[in-house]
Amino acid sequence: MLGDIKAWLSTQFSMKDMSEASYILGIKIYRDRSRRMLGLTQSSYIEKFLKRFKMEHSKRGLLPMRHGIKLSKKQSPKTDEELKRMSNIPYASAVGSIQ
């Protein structure tokens, strides 16, 4: 079946078979045939994201927020140190990048 699809596509487009894909649209494809596993990862995108927002040295871990949490102004930075640290982060861009 896959062979038939490739043959038909070859009649419609100029193409060549380059074997299994390892990346597509910035998403890494990994496969472990012995364990019958197939996975996708966007680790390179995440690394670029962290570098862009100067967070490349952040520790990895679980996100301590639950889905649907409501944020309020009471949680915003109050001290001069907090305000200075937070002023260097373009939040609209950061939030837009993770959606």
PDB file of N, CA and C in Angstrom:
ATOM      1  N   MET A   1       0.820  -1.190   0.000  1.00  0.00           N
ATOM      2  CA  MET A   1       0.000   0.000   0.000  1.00  0.00           C
ATOM      3  C   MET A   1       0.873   1.267   0.000  1.00  0.00           C
ATOM      4  N   LEU A   2       1.866   1.312   0.890  1.00  0.00           N
ATOM      5  CA  LEU A   2       2.746   2.480   0.935  1.00  0.00           C
ATOM      6  C   LEU A   2       3.501   2.627  -0.379  1.00  0.00           C
ATOM      7  N   GLY A   3       3.907   1.501  -0.938  1.00  0.00           N
ATOM      8  CA  GLY A   3       4.596   1.529  -2.230  1.00  0.00           C
ATOM      9  C   GLY A   3       3.737   2.119  -3.326  1.00  0.00           C
ATOM     10  N   ASP A   4       2.449   1.786  -3.313  1.00  0.00           N
ATOM     11  CA  ASP A   4       1.519   2.331  -4.309  1.00  0.00           C
ATOM     12  C   ASP A   4       1.381   3.845  -4.153  1.00  0.00           C
ATOM     13  N   ILE A   5       1.304   4.296  -2.914  1.00  0.00           N
ATOM     14  CA  ILE A   5       1.179   5.736  -2.657  1.00  0.00           C
ATOM     15  C   ILE A   5       2.430   6.465  -3.130  1.00  0.00           C
ATOM     16  N   LYS A   6       3.601   5.906  -2.814  1.00  0.00           N
ATOM     17  CA  LYS A   6       4.856   6.523  -3.262  1.00  0.00           C
ATOM     18  C   LYS A   6       4.921   6.569  -4.785  1.00  0.00           C
ATOM     19  N   ALA A   7       4.498   5.477  -5.426  1.00  0.00           N
ATOM     20  CA  ALA A   7       4.526   5.436  -6.889  1.00  0.00           C
ATOM     21  C   ALA A   7       3.613   6.505  -7.477  1.00  0.00           C
ATOM     22  N   TRP A   8       2.417   6.646  -6.919  1.00  0.00           N
ATOM     23  CA  TRP A   8       1.490   7.657  -7.425  1.00  0.00           C
ATOM     24  C   TRP A   8       2.040   9.062  -7.190  1.00  0.00           C
ATOM     25  N   LEU A   9       2.573   9.318  -5.990  1.00  0.00           N
ATOM     26  CA  LEU A   9       3.144  10.634  -5.701  1.00  0.00           C
ATOM     27  C   LEU A   9       4.286  10.962  -6.660  1.00  0.00           C
ATOM     28  N   SER A  10       5.067   9.950  -7.026  1.00  0.00           N
ATOM     29  CA  SER A  10       6.185  10.159  -7.955  1.00  0.00           C
ATOM     30  C   SER A  10       5.700  10.594  -9.329  1.00  0.00           C
ATOM     31  N   THR A  11       4.480  10.170  -9.701  1.00  0.00           N
ATOM     32  CA  THR A  11       3.938  10.604 -10.992  1.00  0.00           C
ATOM     33  C   THR A  11       3.437  12.042 -10.935  1.00  0.00           C
ATOM     34  N   GLN A  12       3.137  12.527  -9.749  1.00  0.00           N
ATOM     35  CA  GLN A  12       2.581  13.866  -9.591  1.00  0.00           C
ATOM     36  C   GLN A  12       3.636  14.920  -9.254  1.00  0.00           C
ATOM     37  N   PHE A  13       4.711  14.482  -8.595  1.00  0.00           N
ATOM     38  CA  PHE A  13       5.735  15.406  -8.105  1.00  0.00           C
ATOM     39  C   PHE A  13       7.118  14.854  -8.404  1.00  0.00           C
ATOM     40  N   SER A  14       8.081  15.750  -8.493  1.00  0.00           N
ATOM     41  CA  SER A  14       9.474  15.335  -8.578  1.00  0.00           C
ATOM     42  C   SER A  14       9.928  15.026  -7.160  1.00  0.00           C
ATOM     43  N   MET A  15      10.283  13.787  -6.901  1.00  0.00           N
ATOM     44  CA  MET A  15      10.640  13.411  -5.528  1.00  0.00           C
ATOM     45  C   MET A  15      11.628  12.264  -5.528  1.00  0.00           C
ATOM     46  N   LYS A  16      12.264  12.082  -4.380  1.00  0.00           N
ATOM     47  CA  LYS A  16      13.148  10.934  -4.189  1.00  0.00           C
ATOM     48  C   LYS A  16      12.954  10.412  -2.781  1.00  0.00           C
ATOM     49  N   ASP A  17      13.110   9.123  -2.620  1.00  0.00           N
ATOM     50  CA  ASP A  17      12.944   8.478  -1.320  1.00  0.00           C
ATOM     51  C   ASP A  17      14.255   8.610  -0.553  1.00  0.00           C
ATOM     52  N   MET A  18      14.198   9.269   0.583  1.00  0.00           N
ATOM     53  CA  MET A  18      15.401   9.487   1.387  1.00  0.00           C
ATOM     54  C   MET A  18      15.363   8.650   2.662  1.00  0.00           C
ATOM     55  N   SER A  19      14.664   7.545   2.646  1.00  0.00           N
ATOM     56  CA  SER A  19      14.488   6.611   3.769  1.00  0.00           C
ATOM     57  C   SER A  19      13.675   7.257   4.893  1.00  0.00           C
ATOM     58  N   GLU A  20      13.811   6.730   6.087  1.00  0.00           N
ATOM     59  CA  GLU A  20      13.012   7.209   7.217  1.00  0.00           C
ATOM     60  C   GLU A  20      13.347   8.649   7.576  1.00  0.00           C
ATOM     61  N   ALA A  21      12.318   9.390   7.926  1.00  0.00           N
ATOM     62  CA  ALA A  21      12.511  10.779   8.357  1.00  0.00           C
ATOM     63  C   ALA A  21      12.988  10.790   9.804  1.00  0.00           C
ATOM     64  N   SER A  22      13.901  11.693  10.110  1.00  0.00           N
ATOM     65  CA  SER A  22      14.326  11.854  11.502  1.00  0.00           C
ATOM     66  C   SER A  22      13.859  13.206  12.051  1.00  0.00           C
ATOM     67  N   TYR A  23      13.616  14.160  11.159  1.00  0.00           N
ATOM     68  CA  TYR A  23      13.070  15.474  11.528  1.00  0.00           C
ATOM     69  C   TYR A  23      12.011  15.861  10.510  1.00  0.00           C
ATOM     70  N   ILE A  24      10.958  16.482  10.976  1.00  0.00           N
ATOM     71  CA  ILE A  24       9.959  17.043  10.077  1.00  0.00           C
ATOM     72  C   ILE A  24       9.354  18.270  10.752  1.00  0.00           C
ATOM     73  N   LEU A  25       9.447  19.405  10.075  1.00  0.00           N
ATOM     74  CA  LEU A  25       8.934  20.679  10.597  1.00  0.00           C
ATOM     75  C   LEU A  25       9.467  20.999  11.993  1.00  0.00           C
ATOM     76  N   GLY A  26      10.750  20.712  12.223  1.00  0.00           N
ATOM     77  CA  GLY A  26      11.372  21.024  13.507  1.00  0.00           C
ATOM     78  C   GLY A  26      11.065  20.045  14.623  1.00  0.00           C
ATOM     79  N   ILE A  27      10.359  18.979  14.309  1.00  0.00           N
ATOM     80  CA  ILE A  27      10.022  17.970  15.317  1.00  0.00           C
ATOM     81  C   ILE A  27      10.883  16.742  15.061  1.00  0.00           C
ATOM     82  N   LYS A  28      11.601  16.299  16.083  1.00  0.00           N
ATOM     83  CA  LYS A  28      12.455  15.123  15.952  1.00  0.00           C
ATOM     84  C   LYS A  28      11.603  13.868  16.132  1.00  0.00           C
ATOM     85  N   ILE A  29      11.807  12.921  15.240  1.00  0.00           N
ATOM     86  CA  ILE A  29      11.100  11.647  15.302  1.00  0.00           C
ATOM     87  C   ILE A  29      12.096  10.610  15.803  1.00  0.00           C
ATOM     88  N   TYR A  30      11.749   9.899  16.866  1.00  0.00           N
ATOM     89  CA  TYR A  30      12.629   8.832  17.330  1.00  0.00           C
ATOM     90  C   TYR A  30      11.851   7.532  17.390  1.00  0.00           C
ATOM     91  N   ARG A  31      12.574   6.450  17.138  1.00  0.00           N
ATOM     92  CA  ARG A  31      11.933   5.157  17.028  1.00  0.00           C
ATOM     93  C   ARG A  31      12.815   4.097  17.670  1.00  0.00           C
ATOM     94  N   ASP A  32      12.197   3.210  18.410  1.00  0.00           N
ATOM     95  CA  ASP A  32      12.880   2.047  18.979  1.00  0.00           C
ATOM     96  C   ASP A  32      12.078   0.827  18.544  1.00  0.00           C
ATOM     97  N   ARG A  33      12.511   0.241  17.438  1.00  0.00           N
ATOM     98  CA  ARG A  33      11.758  -0.886  16.876  1.00  0.00           C
ATOM     99  C   ARG A  33      11.727  -2.085  17.815  1.00  0.00           C
ATOM    100  N   SER A  34      12.793  -2.312  18.569  1.00  0.00           N
ATOM    101  CA  SER A  34      12.823  -3.474  19.470  1.00  0.00           C
ATOM    102  C   SER A  34      11.755  -3.367  20.556  1.00  0.00           C
ATOM    103  N   ARG A  35      11.445  -2.155  20.980  1.00  0.00           N
ATOM    104  CA  ARG A  35      10.410  -1.952  22.009  1.00  0.00           C
ATOM    105  C   ARG A  35       9.080  -1.505  21.402  1.00  0.00           C
ATOM    106  N   ARG A  36       9.043  -1.449  20.047  1.00  0.00           N
ATOM    107  CA  ARG A  36       7.837  -1.053  19.313  1.00  0.00           C
ATOM    108  C   ARG A  36       7.344   0.321  19.767  1.00  0.00           C
ATOM    109  N   MET A  37       8.292   1.265  19.823  1.00  0.00           N
ATOM    110  CA  MET A  37       7.972   2.620  20.274  1.00  0.00           C
ATOM    111  C   MET A  37       8.295   3.632  19.182  1.00  0.00           C
ATOM    112  N   LEU A  38       7.462   4.641  19.100  1.00  0.00           N
ATOM    113  CA  LEU A  38       7.663   5.755  18.192  1.00  0.00           C
ATOM    114  C   LEU A  38       7.336   7.016  18.978  1.00  0.00           C
ATOM    115  N   GLY A  39       8.190   8.019  18.890  1.00  0.00           N
ATOM    116  CA  GLY A  39       7.941   9.232  19.660  1.00  0.00           C
ATOM    117  C   GLY A  39       8.338  10.482  18.901  1.00  0.00           C
ATOM    118  N   LEU A  40       7.859  11.593  19.394  1.00  0.00           N
ATOM    119  CA  LEU A  40       8.168  12.903  18.829  1.00  0.00           C
ATOM    120  C   LEU A  40       8.685  13.799  19.943  1.00  0.00           C
ATOM    121  N   THR A  41       9.632  14.660  19.614  1.00  0.00           N
ATOM    122  CA  THR A  41      10.137  15.603  20.603  1.00  0.00           C
ATOM    123  C   THR A  41      10.448  16.937  19.929  1.00  0.00           C
ATOM    124  N   GLN A  42      10.260  17.994  20.662  1.00  0.00           N
ATOM    125  CA  GLN A  42      10.586  19.332  20.174  1.00  0.00           C
ATOM    126  C   GLN A  42      11.722  19.920  21.009  1.00  0.00           C
ATOM    127  N   SER A  43      12.671  19.089  21.401  1.00  0.00           N
ATOM    128  CA  SER A  43      13.744  19.544  22.284  1.00  0.00           C
ATOM    129  C   SER A  43      14.553  20.689  21.677  1.00  0.00           C
ATOM    130  N   SER A  44      14.803  20.663  20.365  1.00  0.00           N
ATOM    131  CA  SER A  44      15.573  21.765  19.773  1.00  0.00           C
ATOM    132  C   SER A  44      14.780  23.070  19.837  1.00  0.00           C
ATOM    133  N   TYR A  45      13.460  23.005  19.668  1.00  0.00           N
ATOM    134  CA  TYR A  45      12.625  24.206  19.798  1.00  0.00           C
ATOM    135  C   TYR A  45      12.668  24.717  21.235  1.00  0.00           C
ATOM    136  N   ILE A  46      12.591  23.806  22.180  1.00  0.00           N
ATOM    137  CA  ILE A  46      12.612  24.193  23.594  1.00  0.00           C
ATOM    138  C   ILE A  46      13.947  24.846  23.940  1.00  0.00           C
ATOM    139  N   GLU A  47      15.054  24.288  23.422  1.00  0.00           N
ATOM    140  CA  GLU A  47      16.369  24.875  23.686  1.00  0.00           C
ATOM    141  C   GLU A  47      16.460  26.292  23.112  1.00  0.00           C
ATOM    142  N   LYS A  48      15.945  26.502  21.892  1.00  0.00           N
ATOM    143  CA  LYS A  48      15.943  27.847  21.296  1.00  0.00           C
ATOM    144  C   LYS A  48      15.073  28.803  22.116  1.00  0.00           C
ATOM    145  N   PHE A  49      13.933  28.308  22.565  1.00  0.00           N
ATOM    146  CA  PHE A  49      13.012  29.100  23.380  1.00  0.00           C
ATOM    147  C   PHE A  49      13.699  29.539  24.674  1.00  0.00           C
ATOM    148  N   LEU A  50      14.355  28.598  25.360  1.00  0.00           N
ATOM    149  CA  LEU A  50      15.032  28.916  26.619  1.00  0.00           C
ATOM    150  C   LEU A  50      16.157  29.923  26.402  1.00  0.00           C
ATOM    151  N   LYS A  51      16.909  29.753  25.316  1.00  0.00           N
ATOM    152  CA  LYS A  51      17.996  30.686  25.027  1.00  0.00           C
ATOM    153  C   LYS A  51      17.443  32.080  24.713  1.00  0.00           C
ATOM    154  N   ARG A  52      16.371  32.146  23.942  1.00  0.00           N
ATOM    155  CA  ARG A  52      15.768  33.432  23.569  1.00  0.00           C
ATOM    156  C   ARG A  52      15.321  34.223  24.791  1.00  0.00           C
ATOM    157  N   PHE A  53      14.809  33.534  25.797  1.00  0.00           N
ATOM    158  CA  PHE A  53      14.316  34.208  26.994  1.00  0.00           C
ATOM    159  C   PHE A  53      15.303  34.120  28.165  1.00  0.00           C
ATOM    160  N   LYS A  54      16.583  33.864  27.810  1.00  0.00           N
ATOM    161  CA  LYS A  54      17.684  33.851  28.784  1.00  0.00           C
ATOM    162  C   LYS A  54      17.401  32.904  29.950  1.00  0.00           C
ATOM    163  N   MET A  55      16.930  31.716  29.617  1.00  0.00           N
ATOM    164  CA  MET A  55      16.598  30.726  30.642  1.00  0.00           C
ATOM    165  C   MET A  55      17.348  29.417  30.409  1.00  0.00           C
ATOM    166  N   GLU A  56      18.417  29.456  29.582  1.00  0.00           N
ATOM    167  CA  GLU A  56      19.093  28.217  29.226  1.00  0.00           C
ATOM    168  C   GLU A  56      19.760  27.511  30.401  1.00  0.00           C
ATOM    169  N   HIS A  57      19.981  28.213  31.492  1.00  0.00           N
ATOM    170  CA  HIS A  57      20.607  27.589  32.666  1.00  0.00           C
ATOM    171  C   HIS A  57      19.582  27.217  33.735  1.00  0.00           C
ATOM    172  N   SER A  58      18.318  27.272  33.374  1.00  0.00           N
ATOM    173  CA  SER A  58      17.257  26.917  34.327  1.00  0.00           C
ATOM    174  C   SER A  58      17.295  25.424  34.627  1.00  0.00           C
ATOM    175  N   LYS A  59      16.851  25.078  35.810  1.00  0.00           N
ATOM    176  CA  LYS A  59      16.774  23.671  36.181  1.00  0.00           C
ATOM    177  C   LYS A  59      15.526  23.054  35.571  1.00  0.00           C
ATOM    178  N   ARG A  60      15.657  21.794  35.184  1.00  0.00           N
ATOM    179  CA  ARG A  60      14.496  21.072  34.675  1.00  0.00           C
ATOM    180  C   ARG A  60      13.660  20.586  35.840  1.00  0.00           C
ATOM    181  N   GLY A  61      12.391  20.416  35.600  1.00  0.00           N
ATOM    182  CA  GLY A  61      11.522  19.902  36.649  1.00  0.00           C
ATOM    183  C   GLY A  61      10.076  19.952  36.224  1.00  0.00           C
ATOM    184  N   LEU A  62       9.233  19.504  37.086  1.00  0.00           N
ATOM    185  CA  LEU A  62       7.806  19.519  36.818  1.00  0.00           C
ATOM    186  C   LEU A  62       7.252  20.919  37.005  1.00  0.00           C
ATOM    187  N   LEU A  63       6.264  21.255  36.237  1.00  0.00           N
ATOM    188  CA  LEU A  63       5.604  22.545  36.360  1.00  0.00           C
ATOM    189  C   LEU A  63       4.640  22.483  37.532  1.00  0.00           C
ATOM    190  N   PRO A  64       4.826  23.313  38.549  1.00  0.00           N
ATOM    191  CA  PRO A  64       3.999  23.202  39.752  1.00  0.00           C
ATOM    192  C   PRO A  64       2.623  23.860  39.637  1.00  0.00           C
ATOM    193  N   MET A  65       2.176  24.167  38.424  1.00  0.00           N
ATOM    194  CA  MET A  65       0.860  24.789  38.256  1.00  0.00           C
ATOM    195  C   MET A  65      -0.121  23.772  37.709  1.00  0.00           C
ATOM    196  N   ARG A  66      -1.316  23.841  38.182  1.00  0.00           N
ATOM    197  CA  ARG A  66      -2.343  22.968  37.634  1.00  0.00           C
ATOM    198  C   ARG A  66      -3.075  23.709  36.520  1.00  0.00           C
ATOM    199  N   HIS A  67      -3.727  22.956  35.666  1.00  0.00           N
ATOM    200  CA  HIS A  67      -4.478  23.531  34.549  1.00  0.00           C
ATOM    201  C   HIS A  67      -5.613  24.407  35.071  1.00  0.00           C
ATOM    202  N   GLY A  68      -5.800  25.558  34.446  1.00  0.00           N
ATOM    203  CA  GLY A  68      -6.912  26.431  34.800  1.00  0.00           C
ATOM    204  C   GLY A  68      -6.668  27.340  35.987  1.00  0.00           C
ATOM    205  N   ILE A  69      -5.425  27.434  36.459  1.00  0.00           N
ATOM    206  CA  ILE A  69      -5.126  28.281  37.617  1.00  0.00           C
ATOM    207  C   ILE A  69      -5.368  29.752  37.257  1.00  0.00           C
ATOM    208  N   LYS A  70      -5.892  30.505  38.173  1.00  0.00           N
ATOM    209  CA  LYS A  70      -6.152  31.933  37.971  1.00  0.00           C
ATOM    210  C   LYS A  70      -5.023  32.739  38.605  1.00  0.00           C
ATOM    211  N   LEU A  71      -4.429  33.612  37.823  1.00  0.00           N
ATOM    212  CA  LEU A  71      -3.364  34.476  38.328  1.00  0.00           C
ATOM    213  C   LEU A  71      -3.962  35.834  38.678  1.00  0.00           C
ATOM    214  N   SER A  72      -3.366  36.484  39.662  1.00  0.00           N
ATOM    215  CA  SER A  72      -3.878  37.795  40.063  1.00  0.00           C
ATOM    216  C   SER A  72      -2.731  38.786  40.229  1.00  0.00           C
ATOM    217  N   LYS A  73      -3.078  40.046  40.345  1.00  0.00           N
ATOM    218  CA  LYS A  73      -2.079  41.100  40.517  1.00  0.00           C
ATOM    219  C   LYS A  73      -1.328  40.935  41.833  1.00  0.00           C
ATOM    220  N   LYS A  74      -1.958  40.297  42.816  1.00  0.00           N
ATOM    221  CA  LYS A  74      -1.298  40.074  44.114  1.00  0.00           C
ATOM    222  C   LYS A  74      -0.034  39.229  43.962  1.00  0.00           C
ATOM    223  N   GLN A  75       0.031  38.432  42.897  1.00  0.00           N
ATOM    224  CA  GLN A  75       1.177  37.553  42.679  1.00  0.00           C
ATOM    225  C   GLN A  75       2.311  38.236  41.914  1.00  0.00           C
ATOM    226  N   SER A  76       2.120  39.455  41.469  1.00  0.00           N
ATOM    227  CA  SER A  76       3.143  40.137  40.683  1.00  0.00           C
ATOM    228  C   SER A  76       4.303  40.590  41.569  1.00  0.00           C
ATOM    229  N   PRO A  77       5.458  40.885  40.953  1.00  0.00           N
ATOM    230  CA  PRO A  77       6.636  41.274  41.725  1.00  0.00           C
ATOM    231  C   PRO A  77       6.408  42.551  42.532  1.00  0.00           C
ATOM    232  N   LYS A  78       7.003  42.569  43.722  1.00  0.00           N
ATOM    233  CA  LYS A  78       6.811  43.724  44.608  1.00  0.00           C
ATOM    234  C   LYS A  78       8.122  44.418  44.969  1.00  0.00           C
ATOM    235  N   THR A  79       9.165  43.658  45.202  1.00  0.00           N
ATOM    236  CA  THR A  79      10.439  44.270  45.590  1.00  0.00           C
ATOM    237  C   THR A  79      11.159  44.808  44.357  1.00  0.00           C
ATOM    238  N   ASP A  80      12.109  45.716  44.581  1.00  0.00           N
ATOM    239  CA  ASP A  80      12.889  46.274  43.472  1.00  0.00           C
ATOM    240  C   ASP A  80      13.648  45.174  42.735  1.00  0.00           C
ATOM    241  N   GLU A  81      14.185  44.215  43.493  1.00  0.00           N
ATOM    242  CA  GLU A  81      14.934  43.113  42.883  1.00  0.00           C
ATOM    243  C   GLU A  81      14.025  42.275  41.976  1.00  0.00           C
ATOM    244  N   GLU A  82      12.831  41.955  42.456  1.00  0.00           N
ATOM    245  CA  GLU A  82      11.875  41.183  41.651  1.00  0.00           C
ATOM    246  C   GLU A  82      11.467  41.958  40.399  1.00  0.00           C
ATOM    247  N   LEU A  83      11.197  43.248  40.559  1.00  0.00           N
ATOM    248  CA  LEU A  83      10.802  44.076  39.420  1.00  0.00           C
ATOM    249  C   LEU A  83      11.908  44.154  38.372  1.00  0.00           C
ATOM    250  N   LYS A  84      13.156  44.303  38.830  1.00  0.00           N
ATOM    251  CA  LYS A  84      14.283  44.386  37.903  1.00  0.00           C
ATOM    252  C   LYS A  84      14.439  43.077  37.132  1.00  0.00           C
ATOM    253  N   ARG A  85      14.370  41.955  37.846  1.00  0.00           N
ATOM    254  CA  ARG A  85      14.518  40.644  37.204  1.00  0.00           C
ATOM    255  C   ARG A  85      13.400  40.395  36.192  1.00  0.00           C
ATOM    256  N   MET A  86      12.186  40.738  36.539  1.00  0.00           N
ATOM    257  CA  MET A  86      11.034  40.484  35.679  1.00  0.00           C
ATOM    258  C   MET A  86      10.973  41.439  34.482  1.00  0.00           C
ATOM    259  N   SER A  87      11.600  42.619  34.595  1.00  0.00           N
ATOM    260  CA  SER A  87      11.522  43.597  33.504  1.00  0.00           C
ATOM    261  C   SER A  87      12.287  43.145  32.261  1.00  0.00           C
ATOM    262  N   ASN A  88      13.167  42.163  32.397  1.00  0.00           N
ATOM    263  CA  ASN A  88      13.960  41.681  31.265  1.00  0.00           C
ATOM    264  C   ASN A  88      13.282  40.568  30.476  1.00  0.00           C
ATOM    265  N   ILE A  89      12.076  40.198  30.850  1.00  0.00           N
ATOM    266  CA  ILE A  89      11.398  39.084  30.187  1.00  0.00           C
ATOM    267  C   ILE A  89      10.205  39.607  29.392  1.00  0.00           C
ATOM    268  N   PRO A  90      10.218  39.422  28.064  1.00  0.00           N
ATOM    269  CA  PRO A  90       9.076  39.859  27.247  1.00  0.00           C
ATOM    270  C   PRO A  90       7.945  38.824  27.349  1.00  0.00           C
ATOM    271  N   TYR A  91       7.069  39.004  28.308  1.00  0.00           N
ATOM    272  CA  TYR A  91       6.067  37.981  28.623  1.00  0.00           C
ATOM    273  C   TYR A  91       5.106  37.672  27.492  1.00  0.00           C
ATOM    274  N   ALA A  92       4.668  38.668  26.736  1.00  0.00           N
ATOM    275  CA  ALA A  92       3.734  38.392  25.635  1.00  0.00           C
ATOM    276  C   ALA A  92       4.379  37.440  24.627  1.00  0.00           C
ATOM    277  N   SER A  93       5.661  37.648  24.327  1.00  0.00           N
ATOM    278  CA  SER A  93       6.370  36.763  23.403  1.00  0.00           C
ATOM    279  C   SER A  93       6.564  35.383  24.002  1.00  0.00           C
ATOM    280  N   ALA A  94       6.901  35.333  25.280  1.00  0.00           N
ATOM    281  CA  ALA A  94       7.119  34.044  25.942  1.00  0.00           C
ATOM    282  C   ALA A  94       5.846  33.213  25.946  1.00  0.00           C
ATOM    283  N   VAL A  95       4.742  33.815  26.328  1.00  0.00           N
ATOM    284  CA  VAL A  95       3.471  33.089  26.374  1.00  0.00           C
ATOM    285  C   VAL A  95       3.052  32.669  24.971  1.00  0.00           C
ATOM    286  N   GLY A  96       3.214  33.546  24.003  1.00  0.00           N
ATOM    287  CA  GLY A  96       2.870  33.201  22.626  1.00  0.00           C
ATOM    288  C   GLY A  96       3.710  32.067  22.077  1.00  0.00           C
ATOM    289  N   SER A  97       4.950  31.948  22.524  1.00  0.00           N
ATOM    290  CA  SER A  97       5.841  30.899  22.040  1.00  0.00           C
ATOM    291  C   SER A  97       5.496  29.522  22.574  1.00  0.00           C
ATOM    292  N   ILE A  98       4.815  29.455  23.707  1.00  0.00           N
ATOM    293  CA  ILE A  98       4.509  28.137  24.276  1.00  0.00           C
ATOM    294  C   ILE A  98       3.084  27.685  24.004  1.00  0.00           C
ATOM    295  N   GLN A  99       2.324  28.472  23.293  1.00  0.00           N
ATOM    296  CA  GLN A  99       0.950  28.057  22.984  1.00  0.00           C
ATOM    297  C   GLN A  99       0.923  27.095  21.840  1.00  0.00           C
TER     298      GLN A  99
END
